[in-house]
Protein backbone atom coordinates (compact mmCIF):
# COMPACT_ATOMS: atom_id res chain seq x y z
CA UNK A 1 3.06 28.03 47.56
CA UNK A 2 2.16 25.07 44.82
CA UNK A 3 1.17 22.53 47.26
CA UNK A 4 0.24 20.14 44.60
CA UNK A 5 2.67 17.20 44.76
CA UNK A 6 3.23 13.85 42.70
CA UNK A 7 5.80 11.25 42.55
CA UNK A 8 9.22 12.81 42.37
CA UNK A 9 12.12 11.64 39.86
CA UNK A 10 13.13 12.93 37.03
CA UNK A 11 14.73 10.93 34.63
CA UNK A 12 16.76 11.80 31.24
CA UNK A 13 17.95 9.72 28.63
CA UNK A 14 21.24 10.04 27.81
CA UNK A 15 21.68 7.94 25.13
CA UNK A 16 19.97 4.70 23.74
CA UNK A 17 22.03 2.49 22.02
CA UNK A 18 20.01 -0.79 21.65
CA UNK A 19 22.48 -3.38 21.03
CA UNK A 20 25.49 -0.93 20.88
CA UNK A 21 28.50 -0.45 22.76
CA UNK A 22 27.16 1.47 25.94
CA UNK A 23 27.08 4.56 26.82
CA UNK A 24 29.52 7.48 28.47
CA UNK A 25 28.33 9.05 31.55
CA UNK A 26 29.48 11.69 34.11
CA UNK A 27 29.60 9.20 37.35
CA UNK A 28 32.28 6.91 37.69
CA UNK A 29 32.90 4.24 35.47
CA UNK A 30 31.94 0.17 36.64
CA UNK A 31 34.44 -1.83 36.12
CA UNK A 32 33.46 -5.31 34.29
CA UNK A 33 33.60 -8.43 36.07
CA UNK A 34 33.59 -11.78 34.68
CA UNK A 35 32.57 -13.84 37.30
CA UNK A 36 31.63 -12.34 40.58
CA UNK A 37 34.76 -13.11 43.32
CA UNK A 38 32.78 -10.40 45.71
CA UNK A 39 29.68 -8.79 47.10
CA UNK A 40 29.82 -6.06 44.02
CA UNK A 41 29.06 -8.41 41.71
CA UNK A 42 26.03 -10.53 42.98
CA UNK A 43 23.92 -13.59 41.04
CA UNK A 44 20.35 -13.53 42.05
CA UNK A 45 20.91 -17.26 42.21
CA UNK A 46 22.60 -16.85 46.06
CA UNK A 47 20.42 -15.55 48.61
CA UNK A 48 19.68 -12.06 49.49
CA UNK A 49 22.88 -9.87 50.29
CA UNK A 50 23.62 -6.57 51.61
CA UNK A 51 26.09 -4.27 50.02
CA UNK A 52 27.71 -1.36 52.10
CA UNK A 53 29.26 1.29 50.15
CA UNK A 54 30.62 4.66 49.79
CA UNK A 55 28.31 7.55 47.98
CA UNK A 56 29.80 7.57 44.44
CA UNK A 57 31.32 4.37 44.09
CA UNK A 58 29.31 2.13 41.75
CA UNK A 59 27.52 -1.04 41.95
CA UNK A 60 26.77 -3.68 39.14
CA UNK A 61 23.50 -5.57 39.62
CA UNK A 62 23.20 -9.10 37.94
CA UNK A 63 20.26 -11.38 38.19
CA UNK A 64 19.49 -15.02 37.12
CA UNK A 65 18.19 -14.05 33.91
CA UNK A 66 21.01 -12.34 32.53
CA UNK A 67 19.79 -8.49 33.31
CA UNK A 68 22.38 -6.63 34.65
CA UNK A 69 22.45 -3.09 35.88
CA UNK A 70 25.31 -0.63 36.86
CA UNK A 71 24.05 2.00 39.56
CA UNK A 72 26.04 5.09 40.73
CA UNK A 73 25.10 7.53 42.62
CA UNK A 74 26.78 10.69 41.48
CA UNK A 75 25.59 13.82 43.30
CA UNK A 76 23.54 15.39 46.22
CA UNK A 77 22.61 18.47 47.15
CA UNK A 78 20.02 19.92 50.11
CA UNK A 79 17.51 22.44 49.71
CA UNK A 80 14.75 24.27 52.04
CA UNK A 81 12.98 24.93 48.46
CA UNK A 82 12.05 23.42 45.54
CA UNK A 83 11.08 24.87 42.13
CA UNK A 84 8.94 23.51 39.76
CA UNK A 85 9.25 25.39 36.13
CA UNK A 86 6.01 24.79 33.49
CA UNK A 87 5.90 26.66 30.15
CA UNK A 88 7.78 30.19 31.26
CA UNK A 89 6.00 29.89 34.64
CA UNK A 90 7.75 29.13 37.57
CA UNK A 91 5.98 27.40 41.23
CA UNK A 92 7.76 26.68 44.48
CA UNK A 93 7.51 23.77 47.18
CA UNK A 94 8.31 23.23 50.49
CA UNK A 95 8.80 20.21 52.50
CA UNK A 96 5.69 19.36 53.91
CA UNK A 97 6.81 18.92 57.39
CA UNK A 98 8.30 21.83 59.60
CA UNK A 99 12.23 21.22 60.78
CA UNK A 100 12.89 19.17 57.28
CA UNK A 101 15.03 19.57 54.19
CA UNK A 102 15.04 17.90 50.53
CA UNK A 103 17.71 15.95 49.94
CA UNK A 104 18.00 15.50 45.69
CA UNK A 105 20.32 12.73 45.08
CA UNK A 106 21.24 12.13 41.00
CA UNK A 107 21.94 8.08 39.88
CA UNK A 108 23.40 7.11 37.04
CA UNK A 109 21.89 3.72 35.51
CA UNK A 110 23.25 1.87 32.70
CA UNK A 111 21.78 -1.61 31.32
CA UNK A 112 25.15 -3.29 30.70
CA UNK A 113 22.96 -6.73 30.05
CA UNK A 114 21.98 -8.01 27.04
CA UNK A 115 17.95 -7.86 27.66
CA UNK A 116 15.48 -5.24 28.70
CA UNK A 117 15.30 -4.69 32.31
CA UNK A 118 13.40 -2.39 35.22
CA UNK A 119 15.18 -0.18 38.03
CA UNK A 120 15.56 -1.85 41.46
CA UNK A 121 12.20 -2.35 43.57
CA UNK A 122 12.82 0.43 46.27
CA UNK A 123 15.05 3.00 47.22
CA UNK A 124 14.67 4.99 50.46
CA UNK A 125 17.29 7.05 52.88
CA UNK A 126 17.35 6.28 56.10
CA UNK A 127 18.87 9.04 58.93
CA UNK A 128 18.54 9.25 62.16
CA UNK A 129 16.66 6.29 62.88
CA UNK A 130 14.53 6.35 60.67
CA UNK A 131 13.64 5.81 56.76
CA UNK A 132 12.32 7.97 54.48
CA UNK A 133 10.56 7.05 50.73
CA UNK A 134 11.21 9.18 48.36
CA UNK A 135 9.00 12.13 48.13
CA UNK A 136 5.83 13.43 46.65
CA UNK A 137 7.00 16.01 44.84
CA UNK A 138 5.95 17.63 41.50
CA UNK A 139 7.44 16.43 38.48
CA UNK A 140 6.13 16.28 35.27
CA UNK A 141 8.26 13.74 33.78
CA UNK A 142 7.41 10.75 35.46
CA UNK A 143 8.79 9.26 38.87
CA UNK A 144 11.46 6.55 39.52
CA UNK A 145 8.88 3.63 39.98
CA UNK A 146 7.61 4.75 36.11
CA UNK A 147 11.10 4.12 34.82
CA UNK A 148 11.19 0.85 33.29
CA UNK A 149 12.08 -1.07 30.01
CA UNK A 150 15.39 0.13 29.99
CA UNK A 151 16.98 -1.45 26.71
CA UNK A 152 20.45 -2.79 26.57
CA UNK A 153 23.18 -0.17 26.22
CA UNK A 154 20.99 2.78 27.46
CA UNK A 155 22.10 5.11 30.19
CA UNK A 156 19.76 7.12 32.36
CA UNK A 157 20.44 9.68 35.29
CA UNK A 158 17.43 9.69 37.71
CA UNK A 159 16.66 12.38 40.05
CA UNK A 160 15.02 11.16 43.37
CA UNK A 161 14.38 13.80 46.41
CA UNK A 162 13.90 13.07 50.01
CA UNK A 163 12.39 14.83 52.67
CA UNK A 164 15.04 14.66 55.93
CA UNK A 165 15.34 16.12 59.21
CA UNK A 166 17.50 19.33 58.62
CA UNK A 167 19.38 18.37 61.54
CA UNK A 168 20.99 15.03 60.20
CA UNK A 169 24.15 15.02 59.28
CA UNK A 170 25.05 11.39 58.02
CA UNK A 171 22.67 8.88 56.31
CA UNK A 172 22.42 6.19 53.48
CA UNK A 173 20.94 6.01 50.39
CA UNK A 174 19.45 2.46 50.39
CA UNK A 175 18.61 0.32 47.51
CA UNK A 176 16.23 -3.07 48.02
CA UNK A 177 16.22 -5.28 44.84
CA UNK A 178 15.39 -8.03 46.56
CA UNK A 179 12.92 -9.56 43.95
CA UNK A 180 14.99 -9.14 40.94
CA UNK A 181 18.62 -9.05 42.04
CA UNK A 182 18.90 -10.15 45.74
CA UNK A 183 20.48 -7.38 46.78
CA UNK A 184 20.06 -4.66 49.40
CA UNK A 185 22.96 -1.84 48.63
CA UNK A 186 23.45 0.56 51.25
CA UNK A 187 25.54 3.86 50.25
CA UNK A 188 26.90 5.73 53.05
CA UNK A 189 26.39 9.81 52.97
CA UNK A 190 28.52 12.68 54.89
CA UNK A 191 25.20 14.90 54.94
CA UNK A 192 27.97 17.97 56.18
CA UNK A 193 29.93 17.58 52.51
CA UNK A 194 26.76 17.66 50.71
CA UNK A 195 26.08 21.86 48.65
CA UNK A 196 23.35 23.10 50.36
CA UNK A 197 21.31 25.75 48.40
CA UNK A 198 20.65 29.14 50.02
CA UNK A 199 16.50 28.34 50.87
CA UNK A 200 16.27 31.74 52.97
CA UNK A 201 15.65 34.50 50.93
CA UNK A 202 14.33 36.82 53.39
CA UNK A 203 17.76 38.20 54.60
CA UNK A 204 19.57 39.27 51.55
CA UNK A 205 22.09 42.65 51.29
CA UNK A 206 21.97 44.59 48.48
CA UNK A 207 23.61 43.68 45.72
CA UNK A 208 23.46 39.95 46.68
CA UNK A 209 21.20 38.02 43.88
CA UNK A 210 19.46 34.71 44.04
CA UNK A 211 18.45 32.34 41.76
CA UNK A 212 14.93 30.97 41.11
CA UNK A 213 13.93 27.96 39.29
CA UNK A 214 15.81 24.22 38.81
CA UNK A 215 15.25 22.99 35.33
CA UNK A 216 13.30 24.33 32.71
CA UNK A 217 12.38 28.16 33.34
CA UNK A 218 15.04 29.53 35.76
CA UNK A 219 16.57 33.40 36.39
CA UNK A 220 18.40 35.11 38.41
CA UNK A 221 17.43 38.53 40.76
CA UNK A 222 18.97 40.85 42.20
CA UNK A 223 18.20 43.91 44.12
CA UNK A 224 21.06 46.37 42.97
CA UNK A 225 21.11 49.37 45.00
CA UNK A 226 18.48 51.57 46.98
CA UNK A 227 19.11 55.37 46.76
CA UNK A 228 16.88 58.41 48.25
CA UNK A 229 16.34 61.80 46.27
CA UNK A 230 14.47 65.31 46.76
CA UNK A 231 13.89 64.91 42.84
CA UNK A 232 14.05 62.95 39.71
CA UNK A 233 14.95 63.24 36.35
CA UNK A 234 14.39 61.51 32.82
CA UNK A 235 15.04 61.96 29.20
CA UNK A 236 13.07 60.51 26.73
CA UNK A 237 12.86 61.19 22.85
CA UNK A 238 15.39 64.42 23.62
CA UNK A 239 13.40 66.20 25.70
CA UNK A 240 13.95 65.96 29.85
CA UNK A 241 11.35 66.30 32.54
CA UNK A 242 12.12 66.47 36.38
CA UNK A 243 9.61 65.34 39.17
CA UNK A 244 9.91 66.68 42.49
CA UNK A 245 8.86 65.03 45.78
CA UNK A 246 6.13 66.41 47.37
CA UNK A 247 6.64 68.83 50.42
CA UNK A 248 7.93 66.68 53.16
CA UNK A 249 8.26 63.46 50.91
CA UNK A 250 11.53 62.05 49.48
CA UNK A 251 11.68 59.69 46.31
CA UNK A 252 13.81 56.20 46.55
CA UNK A 253 15.02 54.66 43.22
CA UNK A 254 15.13 50.69 43.61
CA UNK A 255 17.40 49.79 40.92
CA UNK A 256 17.33 45.65 39.91
CA UNK A 257 18.64 43.39 37.44
CA UNK A 258 17.45 39.99 35.85
CA UNK A 259 18.72 37.49 33.97
CA UNK A 260 17.52 34.68 32.60
CA UNK A 261 19.53 31.73 33.19
CA UNK A 262 17.36 28.74 32.03
CA UNK A 263 15.97 27.58 28.72
CA UNK A 264 13.07 29.10 26.87
CA UNK A 265 11.59 32.17 28.06
CA UNK A 266 10.74 33.11 31.51
CA UNK A 267 8.54 35.10 33.69
CA UNK A 268 10.00 38.10 36.17
CA UNK A 269 8.19 39.25 38.92
CA UNK A 270 5.31 41.97 38.85
CA UNK A 271 6.10 45.53 39.53
CA UNK A 272 3.00 45.40 41.88
CA UNK A 273 4.85 42.46 43.82
CA UNK A 274 7.68 45.13 45.36
CA UNK A 275 6.83 46.48 48.58
CA UNK A 276 9.53 48.92 50.56
CA UNK A 277 9.41 49.15 54.13
CA UNK A 278 10.39 52.57 55.75
CA UNK A 279 9.79 53.25 59.66
CA UNK A 280 6.41 50.94 60.30
CA UNK A 281 4.97 51.39 56.62
CA UNK A 282 4.64 49.65 53.45
CA UNK A 283 4.77 51.38 49.92
CA UNK A 284 4.18 50.85 46.77
CA UNK A 285 5.94 52.15 43.75
CA UNK A 286 4.77 55.34 42.32
CA UNK A 287 3.95 56.04 38.48
CA UNK A 288 7.41 58.10 38.14
CA UNK A 289 10.18 56.52 35.97
CA UNK A 290 12.95 56.37 33.07
CA UNK A 291 10.65 55.39 30.37
CA UNK A 292 12.31 52.68 28.69
CA UNK A 293 14.13 51.50 31.77
CA UNK A 294 11.49 51.51 34.21
CA UNK A 295 10.83 47.84 35.83
CA UNK A 296 7.89 46.07 33.80
CA UNK A 297 8.16 42.63 34.14
CA UNK A 298 6.68 40.31 32.26
CA UNK A 299 8.39 37.60 29.95
CA UNK A 300 12.80 37.39 29.33
CA UNK A 301 14.21 35.60 26.88
CA UNK A 302 16.52 33.08 27.24
CA UNK A 303 20.37 34.11 27.67
CA UNK A 304 18.89 37.88 28.23
CA UNK A 305 20.22 40.50 31.03
CA UNK A 306 17.91 43.29 31.73
CA UNK A 307 18.47 46.46 34.75
CA UNK A 308 15.79 48.70 35.29
CA UNK A 309 14.39 51.15 37.99
CA UNK A 310 11.46 51.41 40.34
CA UNK A 311 10.80 54.94 42.06
CA UNK A 312 8.64 55.03 45.52
CA UNK A 313 7.84 58.34 47.66
CA UNK A 314 8.04 57.77 51.04
CA UNK A 315 8.04 60.63 54.32
CA UNK A 316 11.14 62.76 54.09
CA UNK A 317 12.30 61.77 57.82
CA UNK A 318 11.98 57.45 57.08
CA UNK A 319 14.76 55.63 55.76
CA UNK A 320 14.04 52.91 54.09
CA UNK A 321 15.02 49.54 55.77
CA UNK A 322 13.81 46.65 52.92
CA UNK A 323 12.71 45.89 49.91
CA UNK A 324 10.63 42.73 49.43
CA UNK A 325 9.26 40.71 46.15
CA UNK A 326 7.48 38.19 45.67
CA UNK A 327 9.88 36.20 43.12
CA UNK A 328 7.32 33.61 42.37
CA UNK A 329 3.77 32.92 44.05
CA UNK A 330 4.52 32.21 47.82
CA UNK A 331 8.17 32.62 48.16
CA UNK A 332 9.08 36.45 49.57
CA UNK A 333 12.65 37.25 48.47
CA UNK A 334 13.75 39.98 51.26
CA UNK A 335 16.63 42.94 50.84
CA UNK A 336 18.07 44.56 53.70
CA UNK A 337 19.21 48.47 52.93
């Protein structure tokens, strides 16, 4: 695994209209309130107050200096492995602590006031009686506390990730802004309703695909079929050539498919990281294959799909049981035959 870990929080500028009429976001609309008459719109001249909301509900924060932010947690997902993409390469990261899982939350932030402002001071997630700060996860675009100087009318989406117990069934996203907005907001979240990405890639069935990557470079990969045979024929340039398995041996043809589902080119697994398990032994692929259809890995362009084959030679009295592929460094995918 690539265990380089930095502050997590990807932020993406959706639109920035300085002095404009604001921006449209994918989250719930925030109701404009001229005079605060409830704890949904708070003024910094009042003592620090706590707002309790359901996940997905918007909260407008106000300061005594006229700063205003509309904050809405919009989406959440759980995953036991996260990916980082750089150029065409993808690496994977797992939680540092056994028994924990990544919780990623998307938050829409809009500056609805007339001046430049920053995000609230602290963000955390509370579950099972403990509070978890946002995780130090590799992220080339910056971190939550680096998102500052938000112009009037600008809208951002912030992705913030926590490591929480895999057994947690509910919790609260806590946004603390005691200094600038005199407000603490608790959004309750039913974790049983949150999408859980399949993180166990070691018990896949033939024909099942997996997606590798998060943002930027990304690909899907499938072991489509596994077949045994005594001889293998391919045709190239109008000529056919047949290979016959050695005495006591048989061929196993593994067909795989891949698709670049991200942006830009992506690097596929090399043939050297494929292993076939038969009996109690492991086998690497042979040099035989269909010219032009033999799997070679390498770079795959954006939006392109490919299907190719690898041949293995194993004892005739053994049955193939598993295909193992190191999808990215440190992440093994296993397909059971």
